[in-house]
Amino acid sequence: MPDQITSEDLFARAAELNGSFKSAVADVQGQVWTEEWQVADYGDMPTDCGADDTFRFSMSRHLPAVSGEGWRFPADPAVMRDELAQWMEANGYRDVTGLSYTGDVDTLTLTARNVDAGIAEITVQYHPGEVQDGIDVSAKSVCADGDVDDLAEVIFPGIYEDAFLEWTYPETERPDDTPIFGFTEDGQPR
């Protein structure tokens, strides 16, 4: 990465990747469930990608959006997984793989990637339960050039200072909600 990159350029590069990544994950979520999802990992914090001066994002969402008894799959989970796999294959995803487990594990899993949309890896897990069912979607973005610490400081101003602001993310989101990316110096979502 050139030494001359400005914080504005780094933020713009990261915002473009993050927007593409979150949009693609939301498209997958929308194929599964169009209502509220619980936000587990919002997807704004850059992490080291394993090579010098590279970063990536990760995010995860869960169903039900509000924990409680009684939420059930809207259809048979094996059918849901197979339909999502077909949709993924028709929409540019590669290495679409469904996994089932034997024994006491009832979880069904689907993994794939879509580097053109910024997704290095996405995993969808269907968890049947006695009291309630659950679905998890987790994803990692492709890697991009940029220093993780410099980028974190731009996304979260004051993160490395003693008294930084508290940043508040939504507890739930719908796939069609407009996601935020970082915060301003006064703690407002961007």
N, C-alpha and C. Protein backbone atom coordinates (compact mmCIF):
# COMPACT_ATOMS: atom_id res chain seq x y z
N MET A 1 0.85 -1.18 0.00
CA MET A 1 0.00 0.00 0.00
C MET A 1 0.89 1.24 0.00
N PRO A 2 0.62 2.20 -0.88
CA PRO A 2 1.45 3.40 -0.91
C PRO A 2 1.37 4.17 0.40
N ASP A 3 2.50 4.76 0.80
CA ASP A 3 2.53 5.54 2.04
C ASP A 3 1.67 6.78 1.96
N GLN A 4 1.38 7.27 0.76
CA GLN A 4 0.66 8.53 0.59
C GLN A 4 -0.85 8.41 0.70
N ILE A 5 -1.40 7.24 0.92
CA ILE A 5 -2.85 7.11 0.98
C ILE A 5 -3.39 7.93 2.15
N THR A 6 -4.43 8.67 1.88
CA THR A 6 -5.03 9.50 2.92
C THR A 6 -6.06 8.69 3.71
N SER A 7 -6.40 9.17 4.87
CA SER A 7 -7.43 8.49 5.67
C SER A 7 -8.77 8.51 4.93
N GLU A 8 -9.03 9.58 4.19
CA GLU A 8 -10.27 9.67 3.41
C GLU A 8 -10.30 8.61 2.32
N ASP A 9 -9.16 8.41 1.64
CA ASP A 9 -9.09 7.38 0.59
C ASP A 9 -9.24 5.98 1.20
N LEU A 10 -8.59 5.76 2.34
CA LEU A 10 -8.70 4.46 3.00
C LEU A 10 -10.14 4.20 3.42
N PHE A 11 -10.79 5.22 3.98
CA PHE A 11 -12.19 5.06 4.38
C PHE A 11 -13.06 4.78 3.16
N ALA A 12 -12.85 5.50 2.08
CA ALA A 12 -13.66 5.31 0.87
C ALA A 12 -13.49 3.90 0.32
N ARG A 13 -12.27 3.41 0.29
CA ARG A 13 -12.00 2.06 -0.19
C ARG A 13 -12.70 1.03 0.71
N ALA A 14 -12.58 1.21 2.02
CA ALA A 14 -13.21 0.29 2.95
C ALA A 14 -14.74 0.37 2.88
N ALA A 15 -15.28 1.57 2.74
CA ALA A 15 -16.73 1.74 2.66
C ALA A 15 -17.29 1.05 1.42
N GLU A 16 -16.56 1.12 0.32
CA GLU A 16 -17.02 0.45 -0.91
C GLU A 16 -17.05 -1.07 -0.71
N LEU A 17 -15.98 -1.63 -0.16
CA LEU A 17 -15.96 -3.07 0.10
C LEU A 17 -17.04 -3.44 1.10
N ASN A 18 -17.15 -2.70 2.19
CA ASN A 18 -18.11 -3.01 3.23
C ASN A 18 -19.54 -2.95 2.70
N GLY A 19 -19.82 -1.94 1.88
CA GLY A 19 -21.17 -1.81 1.32
C GLY A 19 -21.53 -2.96 0.41
N SER A 20 -20.60 -3.34 -0.47
CA SER A 20 -20.83 -4.47 -1.37
C SER A 20 -21.02 -5.76 -0.57
N PHE A 21 -20.15 -5.96 0.40
CA PHE A 21 -20.18 -7.14 1.26
C PHE A 21 -21.50 -7.24 2.02
N LYS A 22 -21.89 -6.17 2.72
CA LYS A 22 -23.13 -6.20 3.49
C LYS A 22 -24.35 -6.36 2.59
N SER A 23 -24.32 -5.75 1.42
CA SER A 23 -25.44 -5.88 0.49
C SER A 23 -25.59 -7.32 0.02
N ALA A 24 -24.48 -7.97 -0.30
CA ALA A 24 -24.53 -9.36 -0.76
C ALA A 24 -25.01 -10.29 0.35
N VAL A 25 -24.53 -10.06 1.58
CA VAL A 25 -24.99 -10.88 2.71
C VAL A 25 -26.49 -10.65 2.94
N ALA A 26 -26.93 -9.41 2.84
CA ALA A 26 -28.35 -9.10 3.03
C ALA A 26 -29.20 -9.79 1.95
N ASP A 27 -28.68 -9.88 0.72
CA ASP A 27 -29.41 -10.60 -0.33
C ASP A 27 -29.61 -12.07 0.05
N VAL A 28 -28.57 -12.68 0.62
CA VAL A 28 -28.69 -14.07 1.07
C VAL A 28 -29.71 -14.15 2.21
N GLN A 29 -29.59 -13.25 3.19
CA GLN A 29 -30.54 -13.24 4.29
C GLN A 29 -31.98 -13.13 3.76
N GLY A 30 -32.18 -12.25 2.80
CA GLY A 30 -33.51 -12.02 2.25
C GLY A 30 -34.09 -13.25 1.56
N GLN A 31 -33.24 -14.12 1.06
CA GLN A 31 -33.72 -15.37 0.48
C GLN A 31 -34.21 -16.33 1.56
N VAL A 32 -33.68 -16.16 2.77
CA VAL A 32 -34.03 -17.04 3.89
C VAL A 32 -35.22 -16.49 4.67
N TRP A 33 -35.17 -15.18 5.00
CA TRP A 33 -36.17 -14.56 5.88
C TRP A 33 -36.12 -13.07 5.64
N THR A 34 -37.26 -12.46 5.32
CA THR A 34 -37.28 -11.03 4.98
C THR A 34 -37.54 -10.13 6.18
N GLU A 35 -37.85 -10.69 7.31
CA GLU A 35 -38.16 -9.89 8.51
C GLU A 35 -36.89 -9.62 9.31
N GLU A 36 -37.05 -9.20 10.57
CA GLU A 36 -35.94 -8.84 11.45
C GLU A 36 -35.00 -10.01 11.74
N TRP A 37 -33.69 -9.70 11.76
CA TRP A 37 -32.64 -10.63 12.17
C TRP A 37 -31.93 -10.01 13.37
N GLN A 38 -31.47 -10.83 14.28
CA GLN A 38 -30.65 -10.36 15.40
C GLN A 38 -29.24 -10.09 14.88
N VAL A 39 -28.70 -8.92 15.23
CA VAL A 39 -27.34 -8.56 14.85
C VAL A 39 -26.38 -9.11 15.91
N ALA A 40 -25.49 -9.98 15.50
CA ALA A 40 -24.50 -10.52 16.43
C ALA A 40 -23.16 -9.81 16.25
N ASP A 41 -22.71 -9.71 15.02
CA ASP A 41 -21.46 -9.01 14.67
C ASP A 41 -21.83 -8.09 13.52
N TYR A 42 -21.82 -6.76 13.77
CA TYR A 42 -22.36 -5.83 12.77
C TYR A 42 -21.58 -5.83 11.47
N GLY A 43 -20.26 -5.97 11.53
CA GLY A 43 -19.48 -6.05 10.30
C GLY A 43 -18.67 -4.83 9.95
N ASP A 44 -18.47 -3.92 10.91
CA ASP A 44 -17.71 -2.70 10.64
C ASP A 44 -16.25 -2.76 11.10
N MET A 45 -15.94 -3.60 12.05
CA MET A 45 -14.59 -3.63 12.62
C MET A 45 -13.64 -4.37 11.67
N PRO A 46 -12.64 -3.68 11.13
CA PRO A 46 -11.69 -4.37 10.26
C PRO A 46 -10.83 -5.32 11.07
N THR A 47 -10.48 -6.44 10.47
CA THR A 47 -9.58 -7.39 11.10
C THR A 47 -8.44 -7.69 10.14
N ASP A 48 -7.35 -8.15 10.70
CA ASP A 48 -6.16 -8.50 9.92
C ASP A 48 -6.50 -9.65 8.98
N CYS A 49 -6.00 -9.54 7.78
CA CYS A 49 -6.31 -10.55 6.78
C CYS A 49 -5.16 -11.54 6.57
N GLY A 50 -4.14 -11.45 7.38
CA GLY A 50 -3.06 -12.42 7.31
C GLY A 50 -1.84 -11.96 6.56
N ALA A 51 -1.96 -10.94 5.75
CA ALA A 51 -0.82 -10.39 5.03
C ALA A 51 -0.60 -8.97 5.52
N ASP A 52 0.61 -8.46 5.34
CA ASP A 52 0.90 -7.09 5.77
C ASP A 52 -0.04 -6.10 5.12
N ASP A 53 -0.54 -5.17 5.93
CA ASP A 53 -1.38 -4.08 5.45
C ASP A 53 -2.57 -4.54 4.63
N THR A 54 -3.26 -5.56 5.13
CA THR A 54 -4.52 -5.99 4.52
C THR A 54 -5.56 -6.14 5.62
N PHE A 55 -6.81 -5.96 5.24
CA PHE A 55 -7.91 -6.06 6.19
C PHE A 55 -9.08 -6.77 5.54
N ARG A 56 -10.02 -7.16 6.39
CA ARG A 56 -11.29 -7.74 5.95
C ARG A 56 -12.34 -7.41 6.99
N PHE A 57 -13.57 -7.69 6.66
CA PHE A 57 -14.69 -7.53 7.59
C PHE A 57 -15.36 -8.88 7.80
N SER A 58 -16.02 -9.03 8.92
CA SER A 58 -16.84 -10.22 9.16
C SER A 58 -18.13 -9.76 9.82
N MET A 59 -19.18 -10.52 9.61
CA MET A 59 -20.47 -10.18 10.19
C MET A 59 -21.27 -11.45 10.43
N SER A 60 -22.25 -11.35 11.32
CA SER A 60 -23.16 -12.48 11.53
C SER A 60 -24.52 -11.97 11.99
N ARG A 61 -25.52 -12.71 11.57
CA ARG A 61 -26.91 -12.43 11.92
C ARG A 61 -27.57 -13.74 12.33
N HIS A 62 -28.59 -13.62 13.22
CA HIS A 62 -29.25 -14.82 13.73
C HIS A 62 -30.76 -14.67 13.71
N LEU A 63 -31.42 -15.80 13.58
CA LEU A 63 -32.86 -15.91 13.77
C LEU A 63 -33.10 -16.89 14.90
N PRO A 64 -34.09 -16.66 15.73
CA PRO A 64 -35.04 -15.55 15.66
C PRO A 64 -34.39 -14.24 16.09
N ALA A 65 -35.00 -13.15 15.65
CA ALA A 65 -34.47 -11.82 15.98
C ALA A 65 -34.57 -11.54 17.48
N VAL A 66 -35.62 -12.01 18.08
CA VAL A 66 -35.82 -11.87 19.53
C VAL A 66 -35.91 -13.28 20.09
N SER A 67 -35.02 -13.59 20.99
CA SER A 67 -34.99 -14.94 21.55
C SER A 67 -36.26 -15.20 22.36
N GLY A 68 -36.78 -16.36 22.16
CA GLY A 68 -37.99 -16.74 22.89
C GLY A 68 -38.50 -18.06 22.37
N GLU A 69 -39.40 -18.62 23.07
CA GLU A 69 -39.92 -19.92 22.68
C GLU A 69 -40.83 -19.81 21.47
N GLY A 70 -40.73 -20.81 20.63
CA GLY A 70 -41.73 -20.97 19.60
C GLY A 70 -41.37 -20.61 18.18
N TRP A 71 -40.24 -19.92 17.91
CA TRP A 71 -39.95 -19.59 16.52
C TRP A 71 -39.62 -20.88 15.78
N ARG A 72 -40.22 -21.05 14.62
CA ARG A 72 -40.02 -22.25 13.82
C ARG A 72 -39.64 -21.88 12.40
N PHE A 73 -38.94 -22.80 11.73
CA PHE A 73 -38.61 -22.60 10.33
C PHE A 73 -39.90 -22.39 9.54
N PRO A 74 -39.89 -21.48 8.56
CA PRO A 74 -41.10 -21.28 7.75
C PRO A 74 -41.35 -22.44 6.77
N ALA A 75 -40.35 -23.31 6.59
CA ALA A 75 -40.47 -24.48 5.71
C ALA A 75 -39.49 -25.54 6.20
N ASP A 76 -39.51 -26.69 5.58
CA ASP A 76 -38.57 -27.74 5.93
C ASP A 76 -37.14 -27.22 5.74
N PRO A 77 -36.25 -27.34 6.76
CA PRO A 77 -34.91 -26.76 6.64
C PRO A 77 -34.08 -27.34 5.51
N ALA A 78 -34.26 -28.61 5.19
CA ALA A 78 -33.51 -29.20 4.07
C ALA A 78 -33.96 -28.58 2.75
N VAL A 79 -35.24 -28.34 2.62
CA VAL A 79 -35.77 -27.68 1.41
C VAL A 79 -35.27 -26.24 1.36
N MET A 80 -35.30 -25.55 2.50
CA MET A 80 -34.81 -24.16 2.54
C MET A 80 -33.35 -24.10 2.11
N ARG A 81 -32.53 -25.01 2.64
CA ARG A 81 -31.11 -25.02 2.29
C ARG A 81 -30.92 -25.30 0.80
N ASP A 82 -31.65 -26.27 0.26
CA ASP A 82 -31.50 -26.62 -1.16
C ASP A 82 -31.95 -25.48 -2.06
N GLU A 83 -33.03 -24.81 -1.69
CA GLU A 83 -33.50 -23.67 -2.49
C GLU A 83 -32.50 -22.52 -2.43
N LEU A 84 -31.91 -22.28 -1.27
CA LEU A 84 -30.89 -21.23 -1.16
C LEU A 84 -29.66 -21.59 -1.98
N ALA A 85 -29.26 -22.85 -1.97
CA ALA A 85 -28.11 -23.30 -2.77
C ALA A 85 -28.38 -23.06 -4.26
N GLN A 86 -29.58 -23.36 -4.72
CA GLN A 86 -29.92 -23.12 -6.12
C GLN A 86 -29.88 -21.64 -6.45
N TRP A 87 -30.41 -20.81 -5.55
CA TRP A 87 -30.38 -19.36 -5.75
C TRP A 87 -28.94 -18.87 -5.82
N MET A 88 -28.10 -19.35 -4.90
CA MET A 88 -26.69 -18.94 -4.88
C MET A 88 -26.00 -19.30 -6.20
N GLU A 89 -26.19 -20.52 -6.65
CA GLU A 89 -25.55 -20.96 -7.89
C GLU A 89 -26.02 -20.12 -9.07
N ALA A 90 -27.27 -19.70 -9.08
CA ALA A 90 -27.82 -18.87 -10.15
C ALA A 90 -27.38 -17.41 -10.05
N ASN A 91 -26.81 -17.02 -8.90
CA ASN A 91 -26.45 -15.63 -8.66
C ASN A 91 -24.96 -15.41 -8.42
N GLY A 92 -24.12 -16.23 -9.03
CA GLY A 92 -22.69 -15.98 -9.04
C GLY A 92 -21.89 -16.54 -7.88
N TYR A 93 -22.51 -17.31 -7.01
CA TYR A 93 -21.77 -17.91 -5.90
C TYR A 93 -21.04 -19.15 -6.40
N ARG A 94 -19.88 -19.40 -5.83
CA ARG A 94 -19.06 -20.55 -6.21
C ARG A 94 -18.85 -21.44 -5.00
N ASP A 95 -18.44 -22.67 -5.27
CA ASP A 95 -18.16 -23.65 -4.20
C ASP A 95 -19.33 -23.77 -3.23
N VAL A 96 -20.54 -23.78 -3.76
CA VAL A 96 -21.73 -23.91 -2.94
C VAL A 96 -21.79 -25.36 -2.45
N THR A 97 -21.73 -25.51 -1.14
CA THR A 97 -21.63 -26.85 -0.55
C THR A 97 -22.61 -26.99 0.61
N GLY A 98 -23.43 -28.01 0.55
CA GLY A 98 -24.34 -28.31 1.65
C GLY A 98 -23.77 -29.44 2.49
N LEU A 99 -23.87 -29.29 3.79
CA LEU A 99 -23.37 -30.31 4.71
C LEU A 99 -24.49 -30.75 5.65
N SER A 100 -24.54 -32.02 5.93
CA SER A 100 -25.42 -32.58 6.94
C SER A 100 -24.55 -33.40 7.87
N TYR A 101 -24.99 -33.52 9.08
CA TYR A 101 -24.21 -34.25 10.08
C TYR A 101 -24.96 -35.50 10.50
N THR A 102 -24.24 -36.45 11.07
CA THR A 102 -24.86 -37.67 11.54
C THR A 102 -24.88 -37.68 13.06
N GLY A 103 -25.59 -38.60 13.61
CA GLY A 103 -25.64 -38.71 15.07
C GLY A 103 -26.62 -37.73 15.67
N ASP A 104 -26.21 -37.13 16.77
CA ASP A 104 -27.09 -36.23 17.52
C ASP A 104 -27.16 -34.81 16.98
N VAL A 105 -26.39 -34.49 15.96
CA VAL A 105 -26.35 -33.13 15.43
C VAL A 105 -27.34 -33.02 14.27
N ASP A 106 -28.35 -32.15 14.43
CA ASP A 106 -29.38 -31.98 13.41
C ASP A 106 -29.12 -30.77 12.50
N THR A 107 -28.06 -30.03 12.77
CA THR A 107 -27.78 -28.80 12.03
C THR A 107 -27.49 -29.10 10.56
N LEU A 108 -28.09 -28.30 9.70
CA LEU A 108 -27.80 -28.34 8.26
C LEU A 108 -26.99 -27.09 7.93
N THR A 109 -25.98 -27.23 7.09
CA THR A 109 -25.08 -26.12 6.79
C THR A 109 -24.94 -25.94 5.29
N LEU A 110 -24.79 -24.69 4.88
CA LEU A 110 -24.52 -24.34 3.49
C LEU A 110 -23.38 -23.34 3.48
N THR A 111 -22.35 -23.58 2.69
CA THR A 111 -21.24 -22.64 2.56
C THR A 111 -21.06 -22.28 1.10
N ALA A 112 -20.52 -21.09 0.87
CA ALA A 112 -20.28 -20.62 -0.50
C ALA A 112 -19.36 -19.41 -0.45
N ARG A 113 -19.02 -18.91 -1.63
CA ARG A 113 -18.25 -17.68 -1.74
C ARG A 113 -18.70 -16.93 -3.00
N ASN A 114 -18.52 -15.62 -2.98
CA ASN A 114 -18.82 -14.79 -4.14
C ASN A 114 -17.87 -13.59 -4.10
N VAL A 115 -16.65 -13.80 -4.58
CA VAL A 115 -15.64 -12.75 -4.47
C VAL A 115 -16.01 -11.50 -5.25
N ASP A 116 -16.77 -11.63 -6.32
CA ASP A 116 -17.19 -10.45 -7.08
C ASP A 116 -18.08 -9.54 -6.24
N ALA A 117 -18.80 -10.12 -5.29
CA ALA A 117 -19.66 -9.34 -4.40
C ALA A 117 -18.98 -9.03 -3.07
N GLY A 118 -17.70 -9.41 -2.95
CA GLY A 118 -16.96 -9.10 -1.73
C GLY A 118 -17.00 -10.17 -0.66
N ILE A 119 -17.60 -11.33 -0.96
CA ILE A 119 -17.73 -12.40 0.04
C ILE A 119 -16.69 -13.48 -0.21
N ALA A 120 -15.74 -13.60 0.74
CA ALA A 120 -14.75 -14.68 0.65
C ALA A 120 -15.37 -15.99 1.13
N GLU A 121 -16.27 -15.89 2.11
CA GLU A 121 -16.91 -17.08 2.66
C GLU A 121 -18.20 -16.69 3.36
N ILE A 122 -19.25 -17.44 3.10
CA ILE A 122 -20.52 -17.26 3.81
C ILE A 122 -21.02 -18.63 4.24
N THR A 123 -21.53 -18.69 5.45
CA THR A 123 -22.05 -19.93 6.01
C THR A 123 -23.46 -19.68 6.53
N VAL A 124 -24.37 -20.55 6.14
CA VAL A 124 -25.75 -20.49 6.64
C VAL A 124 -26.01 -21.81 7.35
N GLN A 125 -26.42 -21.72 8.63
CA GLN A 125 -26.69 -22.92 9.41
C GLN A 125 -28.14 -22.91 9.88
N TYR A 126 -28.79 -24.05 9.71
CA TYR A 126 -30.17 -24.25 10.13
C TYR A 126 -30.14 -25.17 11.35
N HIS A 127 -30.61 -24.66 12.49
CA HIS A 127 -30.57 -25.40 13.75
C HIS A 127 -31.99 -25.74 14.21
N PRO A 128 -32.45 -26.97 14.00
CA PRO A 128 -33.75 -27.35 14.56
C PRO A 128 -33.64 -27.53 16.07
N GLY A 129 -34.67 -27.15 16.78
CA GLY A 129 -34.64 -27.27 18.24
C GLY A 129 -35.97 -27.75 18.78
N GLU A 130 -35.93 -28.22 20.01
CA GLU A 130 -37.16 -28.68 20.64
C GLU A 130 -38.08 -27.52 21.01
N VAL A 131 -37.51 -26.43 21.50
CA VAL A 131 -38.30 -25.28 21.94
C VAL A 131 -38.46 -24.25 20.82
N GLN A 132 -37.37 -24.01 20.08
CA GLN A 132 -37.42 -23.10 18.94
C GLN A 132 -36.32 -23.48 17.96
N ASP A 133 -36.51 -23.11 16.70
CA ASP A 133 -35.50 -23.33 15.67
C ASP A 133 -34.63 -22.08 15.58
N GLY A 134 -33.53 -22.17 14.85
CA GLY A 134 -32.67 -21.02 14.66
C GLY A 134 -31.91 -21.11 13.36
N ILE A 135 -31.55 -19.96 12.83
CA ILE A 135 -30.74 -19.88 11.61
C ILE A 135 -29.64 -18.86 11.86
N ASP A 136 -28.41 -19.21 11.49
CA ASP A 136 -27.26 -18.32 11.60
C ASP A 136 -26.70 -18.07 10.21
N VAL A 137 -26.38 -16.81 9.94
CA VAL A 137 -25.66 -16.44 8.73
C VAL A 137 -24.40 -15.71 9.18
N SER A 138 -23.25 -16.22 8.79
CA SER A 138 -21.99 -15.56 9.10
C SER A 138 -21.17 -15.46 7.83
N ALA A 139 -20.38 -14.40 7.72
CA ALA A 139 -19.63 -14.18 6.49
C ALA A 139 -18.34 -13.41 6.76
N LYS A 140 -17.36 -13.64 5.89
CA LYS A 140 -16.11 -12.89 5.88
C LYS A 140 -15.95 -12.27 4.51
N SER A 141 -15.49 -11.02 4.50
CA SER A 141 -15.28 -10.34 3.22
C SER A 141 -13.96 -10.79 2.60
N VAL A 142 -13.79 -10.42 1.35
CA VAL A 142 -12.49 -10.59 0.71
C VAL A 142 -11.51 -9.64 1.38
N CYS A 143 -10.24 -9.86 1.16
CA CYS A 143 -9.20 -8.99 1.73
C CYS A 143 -8.99 -7.76 0.86
N ALA A 144 -8.57 -6.68 1.49
CA ALA A 144 -8.28 -5.45 0.77
C ALA A 144 -7.03 -4.81 1.37
N ASP A 145 -6.38 -3.96 0.60
CA ASP A 145 -5.18 -3.28 1.06
C ASP A 145 -5.54 -2.16 2.04
N GLY A 146 -4.78 -2.09 3.12
CA GLY A 146 -4.96 -1.03 4.10
C GLY A 146 -4.56 -1.50 5.48
N ASP A 147 -4.04 -0.60 6.27
CA ASP A 147 -3.63 -0.92 7.63
C ASP A 147 -4.85 -1.01 8.54
N VAL A 148 -4.96 -2.12 9.25
CA VAL A 148 -6.12 -2.37 10.12
C VAL A 148 -6.28 -1.27 11.16
N ASP A 149 -5.20 -0.91 11.84
CA ASP A 149 -5.29 0.09 12.91
C ASP A 149 -5.64 1.47 12.37
N ASP A 150 -5.03 1.85 11.25
CA ASP A 150 -5.36 3.15 10.65
C ASP A 150 -6.83 3.19 10.24
N LEU A 151 -7.29 2.09 9.67
CA LEU A 151 -8.69 2.03 9.23
C LEU A 151 -9.64 2.06 10.41
N ALA A 152 -9.34 1.31 11.47
CA ALA A 152 -10.20 1.32 12.65
C ALA A 152 -10.33 2.73 13.22
N GLU A 153 -9.25 3.48 13.21
CA GLU A 153 -9.27 4.86 13.73
C GLU A 153 -10.17 5.75 12.87
N VAL A 154 -10.23 5.51 11.58
CA VAL A 154 -11.08 6.31 10.70
C VAL A 154 -12.55 5.91 10.85
N ILE A 155 -12.80 4.62 10.99
CA ILE A 155 -14.18 4.14 11.12
C ILE A 155 -14.75 4.49 12.49
N PHE A 156 -13.89 4.36 13.52
CA PHE A 156 -14.30 4.61 14.91
C PHE A 156 -13.38 5.68 15.50
N PRO A 157 -13.62 6.96 15.22
CA PRO A 157 -12.73 8.01 15.72
C PRO A 157 -12.54 7.92 17.23
N GLY A 158 -11.28 7.96 17.65
CA GLY A 158 -10.96 7.92 19.06
C GLY A 158 -10.86 6.53 19.65
N ILE A 159 -10.91 5.50 18.82
CA ILE A 159 -10.91 4.13 19.33
C ILE A 159 -9.68 3.81 20.18
N TYR A 160 -8.56 4.43 19.87
CA TYR A 160 -7.33 4.13 20.61
C TYR A 160 -7.03 5.16 21.70
N GLU A 161 -7.97 6.05 21.96
CA GLU A 161 -7.80 7.03 23.03
C GLU A 161 -8.40 6.48 24.32
N ASP A 162 -8.05 7.09 25.43
CA ASP A 162 -8.53 6.60 26.72
C ASP A 162 -10.04 6.73 26.89
N ALA A 163 -10.60 7.79 26.38
CA ALA A 163 -12.04 8.04 26.60
C ALA A 163 -12.74 8.17 25.25
N PHE A 164 -12.93 7.05 24.58
CA PHE A 164 -13.61 7.12 23.30
C PHE A 164 -15.12 6.99 23.50
N LEU A 165 -15.86 7.35 22.47
CA LEU A 165 -17.32 7.34 22.53
C LEU A 165 -17.86 5.92 22.48
N GLU A 166 -19.04 5.75 23.01
CA GLU A 166 -19.75 4.48 22.86
C GLU A 166 -20.49 4.52 21.53
N TRP A 167 -20.30 3.50 20.72
CA TRP A 167 -20.98 3.44 19.44
C TRP A 167 -22.12 2.45 19.55
N THR A 168 -23.27 2.86 19.08
CA THR A 168 -24.46 2.03 19.22
C THR A 168 -24.92 1.52 17.86
N TYR A 169 -25.00 0.20 17.78
CA TYR A 169 -25.52 -0.45 16.57
C TYR A 169 -26.94 -0.93 16.84
N PRO A 170 -27.71 -1.12 15.79
CA PRO A 170 -29.04 -1.68 15.99
C PRO A 170 -28.94 -3.13 16.50
N GLU A 171 -29.88 -3.52 17.34
CA GLU A 171 -29.91 -4.89 17.84
C GLU A 171 -30.47 -5.84 16.81
N THR A 172 -31.35 -5.33 15.95
CA THR A 172 -31.92 -6.13 14.87
C THR A 172 -31.89 -5.32 13.58
N GLU A 173 -31.91 -6.03 12.47
CA GLU A 173 -31.98 -5.42 11.14
C GLU A 173 -32.75 -6.33 10.21
N ARG A 174 -33.43 -5.71 9.27
CA ARG A 174 -34.06 -6.44 8.17
C ARG A 174 -33.07 -6.47 7.02
N PRO A 175 -33.14 -7.45 6.15
CA PRO A 175 -32.21 -7.48 5.01
C PRO A 175 -32.31 -6.25 4.11
N ASP A 176 -33.47 -5.59 4.08
CA ASP A 176 -33.62 -4.42 3.21
C ASP A 176 -33.32 -3.10 3.91
N ASP A 177 -32.89 -3.15 5.18
CA ASP A 177 -32.47 -1.93 5.88
C ASP A 177 -31.16 -1.41 5.28
N THR A 178 -30.98 -0.10 5.32
CA THR A 178 -29.71 0.49 4.88
C THR A 178 -28.72 0.40 6.03
N PRO A 179 -27.62 -0.33 5.83
CA PRO A 179 -26.66 -0.48 6.94
C PRO A 179 -25.83 0.79 7.13
N ILE A 180 -25.31 0.93 8.33
CA ILE A 180 -24.38 2.03 8.60
C ILE A 180 -22.97 1.51 8.39
N PHE A 181 -22.03 2.44 8.31
CA PHE A 181 -20.62 2.06 8.24
C PHE A 181 -19.82 3.07 9.04
N GLY A 182 -19.53 2.73 10.26
CA GLY A 182 -18.72 3.58 11.11
C GLY A 182 -19.50 4.72 11.72
N PHE A 183 -18.73 5.61 12.37
CA PHE A 183 -19.32 6.71 13.13
C PHE A 183 -18.53 8.00 12.91
N THR A 184 -19.20 9.10 13.14
CA THR A 184 -18.54 10.40 13.07
C THR A 184 -17.81 10.64 14.38
N GLU A 185 -17.06 11.72 14.46
CA GLU A 185 -16.30 12.03 15.67
C GLU A 185 -17.20 12.28 16.88
N ASP A 186 -18.46 12.67 16.64
CA ASP A 186 -19.38 12.87 17.77
C ASP A 186 -20.25 11.63 18.04
N GLY A 187 -19.88 10.49 17.44
CA GLY A 187 -20.55 9.22 17.75
C GLY A 187 -21.80 8.92 16.96
N GLN A 188 -22.09 9.72 15.93
CA GLN A 188 -23.27 9.48 15.11
C GLN A 188 -22.96 8.45 14.01
N PRO A 189 -23.90 7.56 13.73
CA PRO A 189 -23.68 6.58 12.64
C PRO A 189 -23.54 7.27 11.30
N ARG A 190 -22.68 6.71 10.45
CA ARG A 190 -22.54 7.24 9.08
C ARG A 190 -23.45 6.48 8.14
